[in-house]
N, C-alpha and C. Protein backbone atom coordinates (compact mmCIF):
# COMPACT_ATOMS: atom_id res chain seq x y z
N MET A 1 2.07 27.87 4.26
CA MET A 1 2.61 26.57 3.87
C MET A 1 1.58 25.85 3.01
N ILE A 2 2.05 25.21 1.98
CA ILE A 2 1.18 24.48 1.07
C ILE A 2 0.83 23.12 1.65
N ASN A 3 -0.40 22.70 1.46
CA ASN A 3 -0.84 21.39 1.93
C ASN A 3 -0.43 20.35 0.89
N ILE A 4 0.47 19.46 1.24
CA ILE A 4 0.97 18.48 0.27
C ILE A 4 0.17 17.18 0.29
N ARG A 5 -0.76 17.04 1.20
CA ARG A 5 -1.58 15.82 1.27
C ARG A 5 -2.56 15.82 0.10
N ASN A 6 -2.57 14.75 -0.64
CA ASN A 6 -3.45 14.61 -1.79
C ASN A 6 -4.32 13.38 -1.56
N GLN A 7 -5.54 13.63 -1.05
CA GLN A 7 -6.42 12.53 -0.68
C GLN A 7 -6.80 11.66 -1.87
N GLU A 8 -6.99 12.28 -3.01
CA GLU A 8 -7.33 11.51 -4.21
C GLU A 8 -6.22 10.53 -4.56
N LEU A 9 -4.98 10.97 -4.47
CA LEU A 9 -3.84 10.10 -4.75
C LEU A 9 -3.75 8.97 -3.72
N LEU A 10 -3.97 9.29 -2.45
CA LEU A 10 -3.92 8.26 -1.41
C LEU A 10 -5.00 7.21 -1.64
N ASN A 11 -6.19 7.65 -2.01
CA ASN A 11 -7.28 6.71 -2.29
C ASN A 11 -6.95 5.84 -3.50
N LYS A 12 -6.43 6.45 -4.54
CA LYS A 12 -6.10 5.72 -5.77
C LYS A 12 -4.99 4.70 -5.48
N PHE A 13 -3.98 5.12 -4.72
CA PHE A 13 -2.90 4.20 -4.37
C PHE A 13 -3.43 3.03 -3.55
N GLY A 14 -4.27 3.33 -2.56
CA GLY A 14 -4.82 2.29 -1.72
C GLY A 14 -5.60 1.25 -2.50
N LEU A 15 -6.41 1.71 -3.45
CA LEU A 15 -7.17 0.79 -4.29
C LEU A 15 -6.24 -0.06 -5.16
N ALA A 16 -5.18 0.56 -5.68
CA ALA A 16 -4.21 -0.18 -6.50
C ALA A 16 -3.48 -1.22 -5.66
N LEU A 17 -3.12 -0.86 -4.44
CA LEU A 17 -2.44 -1.80 -3.55
C LEU A 17 -3.36 -2.97 -3.22
N ARG A 18 -4.61 -2.68 -2.90
CA ARG A 18 -5.57 -3.74 -2.59
C ARG A 18 -5.73 -4.68 -3.79
N ALA A 19 -5.85 -4.12 -4.98
CA ALA A 19 -6.01 -4.94 -6.19
C ALA A 19 -4.78 -5.82 -6.42
N LYS A 20 -3.60 -5.25 -6.22
CA LYS A 20 -2.35 -6.01 -6.40
C LYS A 20 -2.28 -7.14 -5.37
N ARG A 21 -2.60 -6.83 -4.10
CA ARG A 21 -2.56 -7.84 -3.04
C ARG A 21 -3.52 -8.97 -3.34
N LYS A 22 -4.75 -8.63 -3.72
CA LYS A 22 -5.74 -9.66 -4.01
C LYS A 22 -5.37 -10.48 -5.25
N ALA A 23 -4.82 -9.81 -6.26
CA ALA A 23 -4.42 -10.53 -7.48
C ALA A 23 -3.33 -11.55 -7.18
N MET A 24 -2.53 -11.27 -6.17
CA MET A 24 -1.47 -12.19 -5.78
C MET A 24 -1.96 -13.23 -4.78
N GLY A 25 -3.22 -13.13 -4.40
CA GLY A 25 -3.82 -14.14 -3.52
C GLY A 25 -3.52 -13.95 -2.05
N TYR A 26 -3.11 -12.75 -1.64
CA TYR A 26 -2.80 -12.50 -0.24
C TYR A 26 -3.96 -11.81 0.46
N SER A 27 -4.26 -12.25 1.66
CA SER A 27 -5.20 -11.53 2.52
C SER A 27 -4.43 -10.40 3.20
N GLN A 28 -5.16 -9.49 3.82
CA GLN A 28 -4.49 -8.45 4.60
C GLN A 28 -3.68 -9.09 5.73
N GLU A 29 -4.22 -10.13 6.32
CA GLU A 29 -3.53 -10.81 7.42
C GLU A 29 -2.21 -11.41 6.93
N GLU A 30 -2.24 -12.06 5.78
CA GLU A 30 -1.00 -12.66 5.26
C GLU A 30 0.03 -11.59 4.92
N LEU A 31 -0.42 -10.51 4.30
CA LEU A 31 0.52 -9.42 3.99
C LEU A 31 1.10 -8.84 5.28
N ALA A 32 0.27 -8.70 6.29
CA ALA A 32 0.74 -8.19 7.57
C ALA A 32 1.82 -9.11 8.15
N LEU A 33 1.61 -10.40 8.08
CA LEU A 33 2.61 -11.35 8.58
C LEU A 33 3.89 -11.30 7.76
N ARG A 34 3.76 -11.14 6.46
CA ARG A 34 4.94 -11.11 5.58
C ARG A 34 5.76 -9.85 5.75
N THR A 35 5.12 -8.76 6.23
CA THR A 35 5.79 -7.46 6.30
C THR A 35 6.05 -6.98 7.72
N ASP A 36 5.45 -7.62 8.70
CA ASP A 36 5.50 -7.16 10.10
C ASP A 36 4.88 -5.77 10.24
N ILE A 37 3.86 -5.51 9.41
CA ILE A 37 3.05 -4.29 9.51
C ILE A 37 1.68 -4.75 9.99
N SER A 38 1.09 -4.01 10.91
CA SER A 38 -0.19 -4.45 11.46
C SER A 38 -1.28 -4.49 10.39
N ILE A 39 -2.23 -5.39 10.61
CA ILE A 39 -3.37 -5.49 9.70
C ILE A 39 -4.10 -4.16 9.64
N SER A 40 -4.24 -3.50 10.77
CA SER A 40 -4.96 -2.23 10.78
C SER A 40 -4.24 -1.17 9.95
N GLN A 41 -2.90 -1.19 9.99
CA GLN A 41 -2.16 -0.21 9.18
C GLN A 41 -2.30 -0.54 7.69
N ILE A 42 -2.24 -1.82 7.33
CA ILE A 42 -2.46 -2.22 5.94
C ILE A 42 -3.84 -1.70 5.49
N GLY A 43 -4.84 -1.91 6.33
CA GLY A 43 -6.19 -1.45 6.01
C GLY A 43 -6.27 0.05 5.85
N ARG A 44 -5.59 0.79 6.71
CA ARG A 44 -5.61 2.26 6.61
C ARG A 44 -4.91 2.74 5.35
N ILE A 45 -3.86 2.05 4.94
CA ILE A 45 -3.19 2.40 3.68
C ILE A 45 -4.12 2.12 2.51
N GLU A 46 -4.75 0.96 2.52
CA GLU A 46 -5.62 0.57 1.42
C GLU A 46 -6.86 1.45 1.30
N THR A 47 -7.28 2.07 2.39
CA THR A 47 -8.45 2.94 2.34
C THR A 47 -8.08 4.42 2.24
N GLY A 48 -6.79 4.70 2.11
CA GLY A 48 -6.35 6.08 1.94
C GLY A 48 -6.41 6.92 3.20
N LYS A 49 -6.49 6.29 4.34
CA LYS A 49 -6.59 7.03 5.60
C LYS A 49 -5.24 7.55 6.10
N ILE A 50 -4.17 6.90 5.68
CA ILE A 50 -2.83 7.36 6.09
C ILE A 50 -1.93 7.47 4.87
N ASN A 51 -0.90 8.26 5.02
CA ASN A 51 0.09 8.48 3.97
C ASN A 51 1.35 7.69 4.37
N PRO A 52 1.54 6.50 3.82
CA PRO A 52 2.68 5.67 4.25
C PRO A 52 4.01 6.26 3.82
N THR A 53 5.02 5.97 4.60
CA THR A 53 6.36 6.43 4.26
C THR A 53 6.94 5.58 3.12
N LEU A 54 7.95 6.09 2.52
CA LEU A 54 8.65 5.36 1.46
C LEU A 54 9.21 4.05 2.01
N CYS A 55 9.70 4.06 3.21
CA CYS A 55 10.25 2.84 3.82
C CYS A 55 9.15 1.80 4.04
N THR A 56 7.96 2.24 4.46
CA THR A 56 6.84 1.32 4.63
C THR A 56 6.45 0.72 3.29
N LEU A 57 6.39 1.55 2.25
CA LEU A 57 6.04 1.06 0.92
C LEU A 57 7.08 0.06 0.41
N ASN A 58 8.34 0.29 0.73
CA ASN A 58 9.39 -0.63 0.32
C ASN A 58 9.19 -1.99 0.99
N VAL A 59 8.83 -2.00 2.27
CA VAL A 59 8.58 -3.25 2.99
C VAL A 59 7.38 -3.97 2.38
N ILE A 60 6.33 -3.22 2.04
CA ILE A 60 5.15 -3.82 1.42
C ILE A 60 5.51 -4.44 0.07
N ALA A 61 6.29 -3.73 -0.73
CA ALA A 61 6.71 -4.28 -2.03
C ALA A 61 7.49 -5.57 -1.83
N LYS A 62 8.39 -5.59 -0.89
CA LYS A 62 9.15 -6.82 -0.62
C LYS A 62 8.23 -7.94 -0.15
N GLY A 63 7.24 -7.60 0.67
CA GLY A 63 6.28 -8.60 1.14
C GLY A 63 5.45 -9.18 0.00
N LEU A 64 5.18 -8.36 -1.01
CA LEU A 64 4.45 -8.82 -2.19
C LEU A 64 5.38 -9.44 -3.24
N GLU A 65 6.68 -9.40 -2.96
CA GLU A 65 7.71 -9.92 -3.87
C GLU A 65 7.65 -9.24 -5.24
N ILE A 66 7.54 -7.90 -5.19
CA ILE A 66 7.56 -7.09 -6.41
C ILE A 66 8.53 -5.93 -6.20
N ASN A 67 8.85 -5.24 -7.28
CA ASN A 67 9.67 -4.04 -7.18
C ASN A 67 8.83 -2.90 -6.64
N LEU A 68 9.46 -1.98 -5.96
CA LEU A 68 8.77 -0.82 -5.42
C LEU A 68 8.03 -0.07 -6.53
N GLU A 69 8.63 0.01 -7.69
CA GLU A 69 8.03 0.73 -8.81
C GLU A 69 6.67 0.14 -9.20
N GLU A 70 6.52 -1.17 -9.04
CA GLU A 70 5.26 -1.83 -9.40
C GLU A 70 4.09 -1.38 -8.54
N LEU A 71 4.36 -0.90 -7.33
CA LEU A 71 3.28 -0.40 -6.48
C LEU A 71 2.65 0.86 -7.08
N PHE A 72 3.41 1.56 -7.89
CA PHE A 72 2.94 2.82 -8.46
C PHE A 72 2.50 2.71 -9.90
N SER A 73 2.58 1.53 -10.48
CA SER A 73 2.36 1.36 -11.92
C SER A 73 0.93 1.62 -12.37
N ASN A 74 -0.06 1.53 -11.50
CA ASN A 74 -1.45 1.71 -11.91
C ASN A 74 -2.04 3.04 -11.45
N LEU A 75 -1.21 4.02 -11.14
CA LEU A 75 -1.71 5.27 -10.62
C LEU A 75 -2.00 6.33 -11.69
N SER A 76 -1.49 6.15 -12.87
CA SER A 76 -1.70 7.18 -13.89
C SER A 76 -2.99 7.03 -14.63
């Protein structure tokens, strides 16, 4: 079986998410409150420690009041 986990991509996504969150003026705590996702999980996503589901990413995008596509716009 092929390993589909791409740590470099997870790290890059996490950094992009952190930058987007900070640019919008949200702390991890505020984003957690807006999304009902724990602060620790937000932190693990931002540091590339976990691979969030599409549904989790959709909730984060809604919490940031952006389109889901915008979460991926800085990955290339």
